[in-house]
C-alpha atoms as a PDB file:
ATOM      1  CA  MET A   1      15.109   4.148  -5.010  1.00  0.00           C
ATOM      2  CA  LEU A   2      15.213   4.558  -8.623  1.00  0.00           C
ATOM      3  CA  LYS A   3      12.551   6.643 -10.415  1.00  0.00           C
ATOM      4  CA  GLN A   4      11.480   5.629 -13.922  1.00  0.00           C
ATOM      5  CA  VAL A   5      10.351   8.917 -15.900  1.00  0.00           C
ATOM      6  CA  TYR A   6       8.989   8.292 -19.450  1.00  0.00           C
ATOM      7  CA  VAL A   7       8.918  11.373 -22.013  1.00  0.00           C
ATOM      8  CA  PHE A   8       6.534  11.068 -24.839  1.00  0.00           C
ATOM      9  CA  ASP A   9       8.208  13.140 -27.630  1.00  0.00           C
ATOM     10  CA  THR A  10       9.138  12.611 -31.120  1.00  0.00           C
ATOM     11  CA  THR A  11      12.366  14.298 -30.681  1.00  0.00           C
ATOM     12  CA  ILE A  12      15.088  13.779 -28.254  1.00  0.00           C
ATOM     13  CA  LYS A  13      15.768  17.485 -27.242  1.00  0.00           C
ATOM     14  CA  LEU A  14      13.831  17.359 -24.157  1.00  0.00           C
ATOM     15  CA  LEU A  15      15.062  14.398 -23.098  1.00  0.00           C
ATOM     16  CA  ASN A  16      18.505  15.599 -23.351  1.00  0.00           C
ATOM     17  CA  ASP A  17      17.618  18.725 -21.395  1.00  0.00           C
ATOM     18  CA  LEU A  18      16.290  16.435 -18.708  1.00  0.00           C
ATOM     19  CA  ARG A  19      19.141  14.255 -18.507  1.00  0.00           C
ATOM     20  CA  GLU A  20      21.490  17.371 -18.112  1.00  0.00           C
ATOM     21  CA  MET A  21      19.232  18.828 -15.486  1.00  0.00           C
ATOM     22  CA  PHE A  22      19.558  15.963 -13.389  1.00  0.00           C
ATOM     23  CA  ALA A  23      23.024  14.821 -14.209  1.00  0.00           C
ATOM     24  CA  ASN A  24      23.909  15.033 -10.548  1.00  0.00           C
ATOM     25  CA  ASP A  25      21.094  12.934  -9.490  1.00  0.00           C
ATOM     26  CA  LYS A  26      21.351   9.423 -10.444  1.00  0.00           C
ATOM     27  CA  THR A  27      17.815   8.429  -8.883  1.00  0.00           C
ATOM     28  CA  PHE A  28      16.194   9.615 -11.902  1.00  0.00           C
ATOM     29  CA  LYS A  29      16.164   7.631 -15.111  1.00  0.00           C
ATOM     30  CA  PHE A  30      14.850   9.282 -18.269  1.00  0.00           C
ATOM     31  CA  LYS A  31      13.573   7.357 -21.292  1.00  0.00           C
ATOM     32  CA  CYS A  32      12.206   8.843 -24.601  1.00  0.00           C
ATOM     33  CA  VAL A  33       9.217   7.096 -26.086  1.00  0.00           C
ATOM     34  CA  GLU A  34       6.568   7.612 -29.008  1.00  0.00           C
ATOM     35  CA  SER A  35       2.857   7.370 -27.947  1.00  0.00           C
ATOM     36  CA  GLN A  36       2.214   4.308 -29.879  1.00  0.00           C
ATOM     37  CA  ARG A  37       4.182   2.492 -27.428  1.00  0.00           C
ATOM     38  CA  ILE A  38       1.824   3.523 -24.804  1.00  0.00           C
ATOM     39  CA  ASP A  39       0.931  -0.222 -23.929  1.00  0.00           C
ATOM     40  CA  CYS A  40       4.519  -1.038 -23.395  1.00  0.00           C
ATOM     41  CA  VAL A  41       5.054   2.072 -21.092  1.00  0.00           C
ATOM     42  CA  LEU A  42       2.035   1.440 -19.039  1.00  0.00           C
ATOM     43  CA  LYS A  43       3.125  -2.230 -18.255  1.00  0.00           C
ATOM     44  CA  GLU A  44       6.205  -0.722 -16.758  1.00  0.00           C
ATOM     45  CA  ILE A  45       4.130   1.203 -14.275  1.00  0.00           C
ATOM     46  CA  PRO A  46       6.613   4.333 -14.606  1.00  0.00           C
ATOM     47  CA  ASP A  47       6.939   6.713 -11.562  1.00  0.00           C
ATOM     48  CA  LEU A  48       6.250   9.927 -13.631  1.00  0.00           C
ATOM     49  CA  ILE A  49       5.027  10.506 -17.200  1.00  0.00           C
ATOM     50  CA  ILE A  50       6.219  13.724 -19.174  1.00  0.00           C
ATOM     51  CA  ILE A  51       4.291  14.802 -22.298  1.00  0.00           C
ATOM     52  CA  ASN A  52       5.606  17.261 -24.858  1.00  0.00           C
ATOM     53  CA  GLU A  53       2.577  18.339 -26.440  1.00  0.00           C
ATOM     54  CA  ASP A  54       4.466  20.218 -29.361  1.00  0.00           C
ATOM     55  CA  HIS A  55       5.928  16.987 -30.498  1.00  0.00           C
ATOM     56  CA  LEU A  56       3.093  14.464 -29.931  1.00  0.00           C
ATOM     57  CA  GLN A  57       1.461  12.334 -32.962  1.00  0.00           C
ATOM     58  CA  ASP A  58      -1.795  11.586 -31.197  1.00  0.00           C
ATOM     59  CA  LYS A  59      -4.345  13.772 -29.692  1.00  0.00           C
ATOM     60  CA  LEU A  60      -3.190  14.766 -26.100  1.00  0.00           C
ATOM     61  CA  ASN A  61      -6.555  14.222 -24.341  1.00  0.00           C
ATOM     62  CA  GLU A  62      -6.697  10.771 -25.724  1.00  0.00           C
ATOM     63  CA  LEU A  63      -3.279  10.076 -24.799  1.00  0.00           C
ATOM     64  CA  CYS A  64      -3.896  11.280 -21.015  1.00  0.00           C
ATOM     65  CA  SER A  65      -7.345   9.331 -20.882  1.00  0.00           C
ATOM     66  CA  ARG A  66      -5.588   6.089 -22.046  1.00  0.00           C
ATOM     67  CA  ILE A  67      -3.155   6.570 -19.075  1.00  0.00           C
ATOM     68  CA  ARG A  68      -5.776   7.210 -16.435  1.00  0.00           C
ATOM     69  CA  SER A  69      -7.943   4.141 -17.706  1.00  0.00           C
ATOM     70  CA  ASP A  70      -5.144   1.751 -17.070  1.00  0.00           C
ATOM     71  CA  ALA A  71      -5.800   0.209 -13.534  1.00  0.00           C
ATOM     72  CA  ASP A  72      -2.169   0.255 -12.751  1.00  0.00           C
ATOM     73  CA  ASN A  73      -1.466   3.921 -13.678  1.00  0.00           C
ATOM     74  CA  THR A  74      -4.520   5.620 -12.282  1.00  0.00           C
ATOM     75  CA  ILE A  75      -2.511   7.694  -9.982  1.00  0.00           C
ATOM     76  CA  THR A  76       0.779   7.752 -12.032  1.00  0.00           C
ATOM     77  CA  PRO A  77       1.565  11.794 -12.065  1.00  0.00           C
ATOM     78  CA  ILE A  78       1.538  13.419 -15.557  1.00  0.00           C
ATOM     79  CA  ILE A  79       3.383  16.491 -16.501  1.00  0.00           C
ATOM     80  CA  VAL A  80       2.162  18.160 -19.736  1.00  0.00           C
ATOM     81  CA  ILE A  81       4.828  20.550 -21.359  1.00  0.00           C
ATOM     82  CA  SER A  82       3.457  22.863 -23.986  1.00  0.00           C
ATOM     83  CA  SER A  83       4.179  26.349 -25.782  1.00  0.00           C
ATOM     84  CA  ASN A  84       0.428  26.762 -25.697  1.00  0.00           C
ATOM     85  CA  GLU A  85      -0.536  29.185 -23.149  1.00  0.00           C
ATOM     86  CA  ASP A  86      -4.301  29.780 -23.753  1.00  0.00           C
ATOM     87  CA  ILE A  87      -6.124  29.405 -20.617  1.00  0.00           C
ATOM     88  CA  ASN A  88      -8.941  27.512 -21.897  1.00  0.00           C
ATOM     89  CA  HIS A  89      -6.527  24.800 -23.311  1.00  0.00           C
ATOM     90  CA  LYS A  90      -4.948  24.522 -20.007  1.00  0.00           C
ATOM     91  CA  ILE A  91      -8.273  23.970 -18.397  1.00  0.00           C
ATOM     92  CA  GLU A  92      -9.066  20.966 -20.712  1.00  0.00           C
ATOM     93  CA  ILE A  93      -5.716  19.387 -20.196  1.00  0.00           C
ATOM     94  CA  ILE A  94      -6.219  19.475 -16.403  1.00  0.00           C
ATOM     95  CA  LYS A  95      -9.650  18.039 -16.722  1.00  0.00           C
ATOM     96  CA  ASN A  96      -7.973  14.755 -17.829  1.00  0.00           C
ATOM     97  CA  SER A  97      -6.445  14.234 -14.403  1.00  0.00           C
ATOM     98  CA  VAL A  98      -3.159  15.845 -15.322  1.00  0.00           C
ATOM     99  CA  GLU A  99      -1.273  17.163 -12.550  1.00  0.00           C
ATOM    100  CA  TYR A 100       0.760  19.757 -13.927  1.00  0.00           C
ATOM    101  CA  PHE A 101       0.561  21.908 -17.175  1.00  0.00           C
ATOM    102  CA  VAL A 102       3.913  23.521 -17.542  1.00  0.00           C
ATOM    103  CA  GLU A 103       4.211  26.195 -20.038  1.00  0.00           C
ATOM    104  CA  LYS A 104       7.478  26.069 -22.106  1.00  0.00           C
ATOM    105  CA  SER A 105       8.412  29.788 -21.516  1.00  0.00           C
ATOM    106  CA  LEU A 106       8.768  29.268 -17.616  1.00  0.00           C
ATOM    107  CA  GLY A 107      12.190  27.601 -18.442  1.00  0.00           C
ATOM    108  CA  ARG A 108      14.095  24.799 -17.412  1.00  0.00           C
ATOM    109  CA  GLU A 109      14.400  25.618 -13.806  1.00  0.00           C
ATOM    110  CA  TYR A 110      10.950  25.728 -13.154  1.00  0.00           C
ATOM    111  CA  LEU A 111      10.449  22.268 -14.904  1.00  0.00           C
ATOM    112  CA  TYR A 112      13.174  20.902 -12.718  1.00  0.00           C
ATOM    113  CA  TYR A 113      11.647  21.929  -9.407  1.00  0.00           C
ATOM    114  CA  ILE A 114       8.056  20.493 -10.660  1.00  0.00           C
ATOM    115  CA  ILE A 115       9.627  17.162 -11.030  1.00  0.00           C
ATOM    116  CA  LYS A 116      11.721  17.153  -7.826  1.00  0.00           C
ATOM    117  CA  ASN A 117       8.547  18.292  -5.936  1.00  0.00           C
ATOM    118  CA  ILE A 118       6.413  15.516  -7.348  1.00  0.00           C
ATOM    119  CA  SER A 119       9.139  13.098  -6.522  1.00  0.00           C
ATOM    120  CA  ARG A 120       8.933  14.354  -3.148  1.00  0.00           C
ATOM    121  CA  LEU A 121       5.310  13.637  -2.904  1.00  0.00           C
ATOM    122  CA  LEU A 122       5.606  10.111  -4.338  1.00  0.00           C
ATOM    123  CA  THR A 123       8.353   9.254  -1.530  1.00  0.00           C
ATOM    124  CA  VAL A 124       5.640  10.407   1.155  1.00  0.00           C
ATOM    125  CA  ASN A 125       2.847   8.799  -0.477  1.00  0.00           C
ATOM    126  CA  ARG A 126       4.871   5.342  -0.270  1.00  0.00           C
ATOM    127  CA  THR A 127       4.560   5.600   3.368  1.00  0.00           C
ATOM    128  CA  VAL A 128       0.668   5.392   2.904  1.00  0.00           C
ATOM    129  CA  SER A 129      -1.029   1.872   2.702  1.00  0.00           C
ATOM    130  CA  PRO A 130      -2.216   1.291  -1.116  1.00  0.00           C
ATOM    131  CA  LEU A 131      -4.981  -0.744   0.162  1.00  0.00           C
ATOM    132  CA  THR A 132      -6.577   1.347   3.063  1.00  0.00           C
ATOM    133  CA  GLY A 133      -5.130   4.805   2.349  1.00  0.00           C
ATOM    134  CA  LEU A 134      -3.982   4.816   5.869  1.00  0.00           C
ATOM    135  CA  PRO A 135      -0.402   6.130   6.917  1.00  0.00           C
ATOM    136  CA  GLY A 136       2.187   3.370   7.478  1.00  0.00           C
ATOM    137  CA  ASN A 137       4.854   2.694   9.962  1.00  0.00           C
ATOM    138  CA  VAL A 138       6.924   5.778   9.325  1.00  0.00           C
ATOM    139  CA  LYS A 139       3.804   8.095  10.122  1.00  0.00           C
ATOM    140  CA  ILE A 140       3.038   5.707  13.205  1.00  0.00           C
ATOM    141  CA  GLN A 141       6.239   6.054  14.701  1.00  0.00           C
ATOM    142  CA  THR A 142       6.402   9.683  14.248  1.00  0.00           C
ATOM    143  CA  GLU A 143       3.102  10.298  15.824  1.00  0.00           C
ATOM    144  CA  LEU A 144       4.015   7.978  19.070  1.00  0.00           C
ATOM    145  CA  LYS A 145       7.109  10.058  19.325  1.00  0.00           C
ATOM    146  CA  LYS A 146       5.312  13.284  19.314  1.00  0.00           C
ATOM    147  CA  ARG A 147       2.743  11.900  22.057  1.00  0.00           C
ATOM    148  CA  ILE A 148       5.657  10.667  24.106  1.00  0.00           C
ATOM    149  CA  SER A 149       7.640  13.876  24.001  1.00  0.00           C
ATOM    150  CA  LYS A 150       4.676  16.121  25.070  1.00  0.00           C
ATOM    151  CA  LYS A 151       4.454  13.630  28.260  1.00  0.00           C
ATOM    152  CA  ASN A 152       0.650  13.930  28.241  1.00  0.00           C
ATOM    153  CA  PRO A 153      -1.488  10.947  29.003  1.00  0.00           C
ATOM    154  CA  PHE A 154      -2.404   8.875  25.768  1.00  0.00           C
ATOM    155  CA  THR A 155      -3.751   5.409  24.809  1.00  0.00           C
ATOM    156  CA  VAL A 156      -2.729   3.311  22.085  1.00  0.00           C
ATOM    157  CA  LEU A 157      -4.966   0.564  20.517  1.00  0.00           C
ATOM    158  CA  TYR A 158      -3.339  -2.398  18.742  1.00  0.00           C
ATOM    159  CA  LEU A 159      -5.797  -4.019  16.580  1.00  0.00           C
ATOM    160  CA  ASP A 160      -5.377  -7.166  14.530  1.00  0.00           C
ATOM    161  CA  LEU A 161      -7.639  -9.933  13.066  1.00  0.00           C
ATOM    162  CA  ASP A 162      -7.699 -13.442  14.534  1.00  0.00           C
ATOM    163  CA  ASN A 163      -7.655 -16.423  12.169  1.00  0.00           C
ATOM    164  CA  PHE A 164      -7.234 -14.196   9.245  1.00  0.00           C
ATOM    165  CA  LYS A 165      -4.892 -16.891   7.437  1.00  0.00           C
ATOM    166  CA  ALA A 166      -7.460 -19.464   7.505  1.00  0.00           C
ATOM    167  CA  TYR A 167      -9.888 -16.932   6.016  1.00  0.00           C
ATOM    168  CA  ASN A 168      -7.243 -16.220   3.158  1.00  0.00           C
ATOM    169  CA  ASP A 169      -6.916 -19.745   2.525  1.00  0.00           C
ATOM    170  CA  LEU A 170     -10.650 -20.559   2.109  1.00  0.00           C
ATOM    171  CA  TYR A 171     -11.823 -17.672   0.416  1.00  0.00           C
ATOM    172  CA  GLY A 172      -8.722 -16.117  -1.218  1.00  0.00           C
ATOM    173  CA  PHE A 173      -6.759 -12.953  -1.029  1.00  0.00           C
ATOM    174  CA  VAL A 174      -9.131 -10.785  -2.626  1.00  0.00           C
ATOM    175  CA  ARG A 175     -11.923 -11.612  -0.311  1.00  0.00           C
ATOM    176  CA  GLY A 176      -9.251 -10.960   2.364  1.00  0.00           C
ATOM    177  CA  ASP A 177      -8.426  -7.524   1.142  1.00  0.00           C
ATOM    178  CA  GLU A 178     -11.963  -6.625   1.582  1.00  0.00           C
ATOM    179  CA  ILE A 179     -12.066  -7.967   5.258  1.00  0.00           C
ATOM    180  CA  ILE A 180      -8.978  -5.613   5.752  1.00  0.00           C
ATOM    181  CA  LYS A 181     -10.711  -2.645   4.007  1.00  0.00           C
ATOM    182  CA  LEU A 182     -13.674  -3.346   6.307  1.00  0.00           C
ATOM    183  CA  THR A 183     -11.679  -3.213   9.433  1.00  0.00           C
ATOM    184  CA  ALA A 184      -9.995  -0.029   8.234  1.00  0.00           C
ATOM    185  CA  LYS A 185     -13.207   1.509   7.734  1.00  0.00           C
ATOM    186  CA  ILE A 186     -14.751   0.598  11.115  1.00  0.00           C
ATOM    187  CA  ILE A 187     -11.722   1.764  12.882  1.00  0.00           C
ATOM    188  CA  THR A 188     -11.505   5.111  11.377  1.00  0.00           C
ATOM    189  CA  ASN A 189     -15.049   5.794  11.473  1.00  0.00           C
ATOM    190  CA  ASN A 190     -15.275   5.201  15.267  1.00  0.00           C
ATOM    191  CA  ILE A 191     -11.898   6.864  15.886  1.00  0.00           C
ATOM    192  CA  TYR A 192     -12.217  10.040  13.863  1.00  0.00           C
ATOM    193  CA  ASN A 193     -15.977  10.534  14.942  1.00  0.00           C
ATOM    194  CA  ILE A 194     -14.673  11.333  18.571  1.00  0.00           C
ATOM    195  CA  SER A 195     -15.036  15.090  18.429  1.00  0.00           C
ATOM    196  CA  ASP A 196     -13.265  15.992  21.808  1.00  0.00           C
ATOM    197  CA  GLY A 197      -9.961  14.483  21.112  1.00  0.00           C
ATOM    198  CA  ASN A 198      -6.760  14.298  19.010  1.00  0.00           C
ATOM    199  CA  THR A 199      -6.798  10.960  17.589  1.00  0.00           C
ATOM    200  CA  PHE A 200      -4.507   8.826  14.921  1.00  0.00           C
ATOM    201  CA  VAL A 201      -5.527   5.798  12.981  1.00  0.00           C
ATOM    202  CA  GLY A 202      -2.404   3.957  10.941  1.00  0.00           C
ATOM    203  CA  HIS A 203      -2.209   0.723   9.021  1.00  0.00           C
ATOM    204  CA  ILE A 204       0.946  -1.294  10.169  1.00  0.00           C
ATOM    205  CA  GLY A 205       0.363  -3.790   7.310  1.00  0.00           C
ATOM    206  CA  GLY A 206      -1.421  -6.757   6.453  1.00  0.00           C
ATOM    207  CA  ASP A 207      -4.285  -7.158   9.049  1.00  0.00           C
ATOM    208  CA  ASP A 208      -2.543  -5.116  11.686  1.00  0.00           C
ATOM    209  CA  PHE A 209      -3.874  -1.563  12.642  1.00  0.00           C
ATOM    210  CA  VAL A 210      -3.020   1.056  15.398  1.00  0.00           C
ATOM    211  CA  ALA A 211      -5.047   3.973  16.812  1.00  0.00           C
ATOM    212  CA  ILE A 212      -3.872   6.604  19.028  1.00  0.00           C
ATOM    213  CA  LEU A 213      -6.160   8.407  21.531  1.00  0.00           C
ATOM    214  CA  ASP A 214      -5.643  11.374  23.989  1.00  0.00           C
ATOM    215  CA  GLY A 215      -5.927  10.277  27.516  1.00  0.00           C
ATOM    216  CA  THR A 216      -9.213  11.886  28.041  1.00  0.00           C
ATOM    217  CA  ILE A 217     -11.106   9.935  25.560  1.00  0.00           C
ATOM    218  CA  ASP A 218     -13.203   6.729  26.929  1.00  0.00           C
ATOM    219  CA  TYR A 219     -11.207   4.110  25.008  1.00  0.00           C
ATOM    220  CA  GLU A 220     -13.237   1.342  26.533  1.00  0.00           C
ATOM    221  CA  ASN A 221     -16.269   2.482  24.970  1.00  0.00           C
ATOM    222  CA  VAL A 222     -14.406   3.082  21.691  1.00  0.00           C
ATOM    223  CA  CYS A 223     -13.159  -0.816  21.770  1.00  0.00           C
ATOM    224  CA  GLN A 224     -16.921  -1.935  22.490  1.00  0.00           C
ATOM    225  CA  ASN A 225     -18.249   0.055  19.521  1.00  0.00           C
ATOM    226  CA  ILE A 226     -15.462  -0.996  17.110  1.00  0.00           C
ATOM    227  CA  ILE A 227     -16.003  -4.920  18.239  1.00  0.00           C
ATOM    228  CA  THR A 228     -19.795  -4.647  17.842  1.00  0.00           C
ATOM    229  CA  GLU A 229     -19.572  -3.111  14.504  1.00  0.00           C
ATOM    230  CA  PHE A 230     -17.012  -5.509  13.099  1.00  0.00           C
ATOM    231  CA  ASP A 231     -18.878  -8.587  14.518  1.00  0.00           C
ATOM    232  CA  THR A 232     -21.961  -7.369  12.991  1.00  0.00           C
ATOM    233  CA  GLU A 233     -20.653  -6.374   9.464  1.00  0.00           C
ATOM    234  CA  VAL A 234     -18.197  -9.052   8.991  1.00  0.00           C
ATOM    235  CA  LYS A 235     -20.800 -11.852   8.920  1.00  0.00           C
ATOM    236  CA  ASP A 236     -21.632 -10.419   5.316  1.00  0.00           C
ATOM    237  CA  TYR A 237     -18.084 -11.728   4.194  1.00  0.00           C
ATOM    238  CA  PHE A 238     -18.868 -15.695   4.884  1.00  0.00           C
ATOM    239  CA  THR A 239     -21.053 -18.140   3.279  1.00  0.00           C
ATOM    240  CA  LYS A 240     -24.386 -18.869   5.090  1.00  0.00           C
ATOM    241  CA  GLU A 241     -22.826 -22.578   5.648  1.00  0.00           C
ATOM    242  CA  ASP A 242     -19.755 -21.223   7.726  1.00  0.00           C
ATOM    243  CA  LEU A 243     -21.789 -19.020   9.742  1.00  0.00           C
ATOM    244  CA  GLU A 244     -24.157 -21.806  10.518  1.00  0.00           C
ATOM    245  CA  LYS A 245     -21.234 -23.992  11.487  1.00  0.00           C
ATOM    246  CA  GLY A 246     -19.362 -21.214  13.500  1.00  0.00           C
ATOM    247  CA  TYR A 247     -16.097 -22.302  12.009  1.00  0.00           C
ATOM    248  CA  LEU A 248     -13.975 -22.826   9.181  1.00  0.00           C
ATOM    249  CA  GLU A 249     -12.651 -26.169   7.773  1.00  0.00           C
ATOM    250  CA  ILE A 250      -9.447 -26.066   6.070  1.00  0.00           C
ATOM    251  CA  GLN A 251      -7.264 -29.105   4.462  1.00  0.00           C
ATOM    252  CA  ASN A 252      -3.864 -29.144   5.849  1.00  0.00           C
ATOM    253  CA  ARG A 253      -0.772 -30.276   3.931  1.00  0.00           C
ATOM    254  CA  LYS A 254      -1.506 -33.663   4.998  1.00  0.00           C
ATOM    255  CA  GLY A 255      -5.091 -33.851   3.459  1.00  0.00           C
ATOM    256  CA  ILE A 256      -6.531 -33.588   7.162  1.00  0.00           C
ATOM    257  CA  LEU A 257      -9.415 -30.969   7.646  1.00  0.00           C
ATOM    258  CA  GLU A 258      -8.957 -28.556  10.335  1.00  0.00           C
ATOM    259  CA  GLN A 259     -11.528 -26.485  12.071  1.00  0.00           C
ATOM    260  CA  PHE A 260     -10.797 -22.798  12.812  1.00  0.00           C
ATOM    261  CA  PRO A 261     -12.989 -20.041  14.506  1.00  0.00           C
ATOM    262  CA  LEU A 262     -14.536 -17.457  12.277  1.00  0.00           C
ATOM    263  CA  THR A 263     -12.434 -14.287  11.776  1.00  0.00           C
ATOM    264  CA  ALA A 264     -12.659 -11.842  14.857  1.00  0.00           C
ATOM    265  CA  LEU A 265     -11.093  -8.668  16.027  1.00  0.00           C
ATOM    266  CA  SER A 266      -8.475  -8.538  18.947  1.00  0.00           C
ATOM    267  CA  ILE A 267      -7.515  -5.132  20.412  1.00  0.00           C
ATOM    268  CA  GLY A 268      -4.632  -4.544  22.763  1.00  0.00           C
ATOM    269  CA  VAL A 269      -5.022  -1.457  24.619  1.00  0.00           C
ATOM    270  CA  VAL A 270      -1.846   0.319  26.134  1.00  0.00           C
ATOM    271  CA  VAL A 271      -2.679   3.103  28.499  1.00  0.00           C
ATOM    272  CA  SER A 272       0.199   5.521  29.215  1.00  0.00           C
ATOM    273  CA  GLU A 273       0.267   7.740  32.351  1.00  0.00           C
ATOM    274  CA  HIS A 274       2.473   9.619  34.372  1.00  0.00           C
ATOM    275  CA  GLU A 275       5.126   9.766  31.704  1.00  0.00           C
ATOM    276  CA  ARG A 276       5.240   6.158  31.671  1.00  0.00           C
ATOM    277  CA  PHE A 277       7.164   5.440  28.279  1.00  0.00           C
ATOM    278  CA  SER A 278      10.509   7.113  27.316  1.00  0.00           C
ATOM    279  CA  ASN A 279      10.456   5.750  23.734  1.00  0.00           C
ATOM    280  CA  ILE A 280       8.133   3.856  21.130  1.00  0.00           C
ATOM    281  CA  LEU A 281      10.065   0.497  21.629  1.00  0.00           C
ATOM    282  CA  GLU A 282       8.804   0.327  25.077  1.00  0.00           C
ATOM    283  CA  VAL A 283       5.072   1.123  23.654  1.00  0.00           C
ATOM    284  CA  GLY A 284       5.521  -1.501  21.090  1.00  0.00           C
ATOM    285  CA  GLU A 285       6.654  -4.083  23.544  1.00  0.00           C
ATOM    286  CA  VAL A 286       3.798  -3.445  25.957  1.00  0.00           C
ATOM    287  CA  GLY A 287       1.454  -3.408  23.068  1.00  0.00           C
ATOM    288  CA  ALA A 288       2.506  -6.965  21.698  1.00  0.00           C
ATOM    289  CA  GLN A 289       1.987  -8.363  25.051  1.00  0.00           C
ATOM    290  CA  VAL A 290      -1.388  -7.166  25.696  1.00  0.00           C
ATOM    291  CA  LYS A 291      -2.595  -7.909  22.278  1.00  0.00           C
ATOM    292  CA  HIS A 292      -1.319 -11.588  22.791  1.00  0.00           C
ATOM    293  CA  LEU A 293      -3.678 -11.363  25.936  1.00  0.00           C
ATOM    294  CA  ALA A 294      -6.684 -10.591  23.722  1.00  0.00           C
ATOM    295  CA  LYS A 295      -5.867 -13.035  21.228  1.00  0.00           C
ATOM    296  CA  ALA A 296      -5.982 -15.915  23.726  1.00  0.00           C
ATOM    297  CA  THR A 297      -9.621 -15.307  24.049  1.00  0.00           C
ATOM    298  CA  GLN A 298     -11.696 -16.763  21.159  1.00  0.00           C
ATOM    299  CA  GLY A 299     -13.837 -14.241  19.507  1.00  0.00           C
ATOM    300  CA  SER A 300     -13.456 -10.473  19.281  1.00  0.00           C
ATOM    301  CA  CYS A 301     -12.358  -8.691  22.387  1.00  0.00           C
ATOM    302  CA  TYR A 302     -10.181  -6.380  23.982  1.00  0.00           C
ATOM    303  CA  ALA A 303      -7.359  -6.425  26.866  1.00  0.00           C
ATOM    304  CA  ILE A 304      -6.123  -3.563  28.754  1.00  0.00           C
ATOM    305  CA  ASN A 305      -2.516  -2.841  30.304  1.00  0.00           C
ATOM    306  CA  ARG A 306      -3.256  -0.154  32.804  1.00  0.00           C
ATOM    307  CA  ARG A 307       0.130  -0.304  34.813  1.00  0.00           C
ATOM    308  CA  THR A 308       1.865   2.842  35.347  1.00  0.00           C
ATOM    309  CA  GLN A 309       5.653   3.492  35.589  1.00  0.00           C
ATOM    310  CA  GLU A 310       6.700   3.466  39.230  1.00  0.00           C
END
């Protein structure tokens, strides 16, 4: 994936140095701009911002604060390059959420690896859900492979929301995102509060989540607690009228009102015992089947697949 790097500088020497350093790595695209064009740069949501303090027209602290105050660039990494090696100055700069302060005396090779390492972290962070902060499919698959390879009993919970599309259609995607964050909070609180087992929670995407527990954990108690907490807290996300009715009314494309049950949580439970699974595809297939069983019941519930390999 191409990485857009903007360099704030009034000269082109640093830009030419960077292009020379990364001549054999075409995944980086460097562009030099002056600080007056900060608004244009922020609209592009760059992958990385490099600031040459020695050749800057505006005050460095003000520029960094402007970047961090932009809603789309709160996590855009910033590297400040400077010949000022005073420790107090460095601390003042770092206070403005600058990831790295690189002294020019350290040379080009040091800067090269700082940029490469930040790029690696950016790649890793893309596997994390920006909405919930939970690890995504790459980490989920890795965790499942690890459990299977150890050949110890484990349990997988596949969780998703029922009638969530109807909720989004009626209340809007912003409110829908709030329910997804609520669901993530409830799942993680219940899973990570387990003190006597190795646990994991991931966000597959949308309203789909997965949790992995050691085989010794009472998964039924976990499911019951998650559902009880969800059904209680999700009420705050509906109007009083919808709660009293007990359903949502959505107009379809033909202008006819349709009724949908209130948003609920379904959990499909896959219990792996006696080296039951040989790969993650088998786990996913069984998970889809048992979650379908749970969703066939109206309201929040869980269904369990306990069959062991013969």
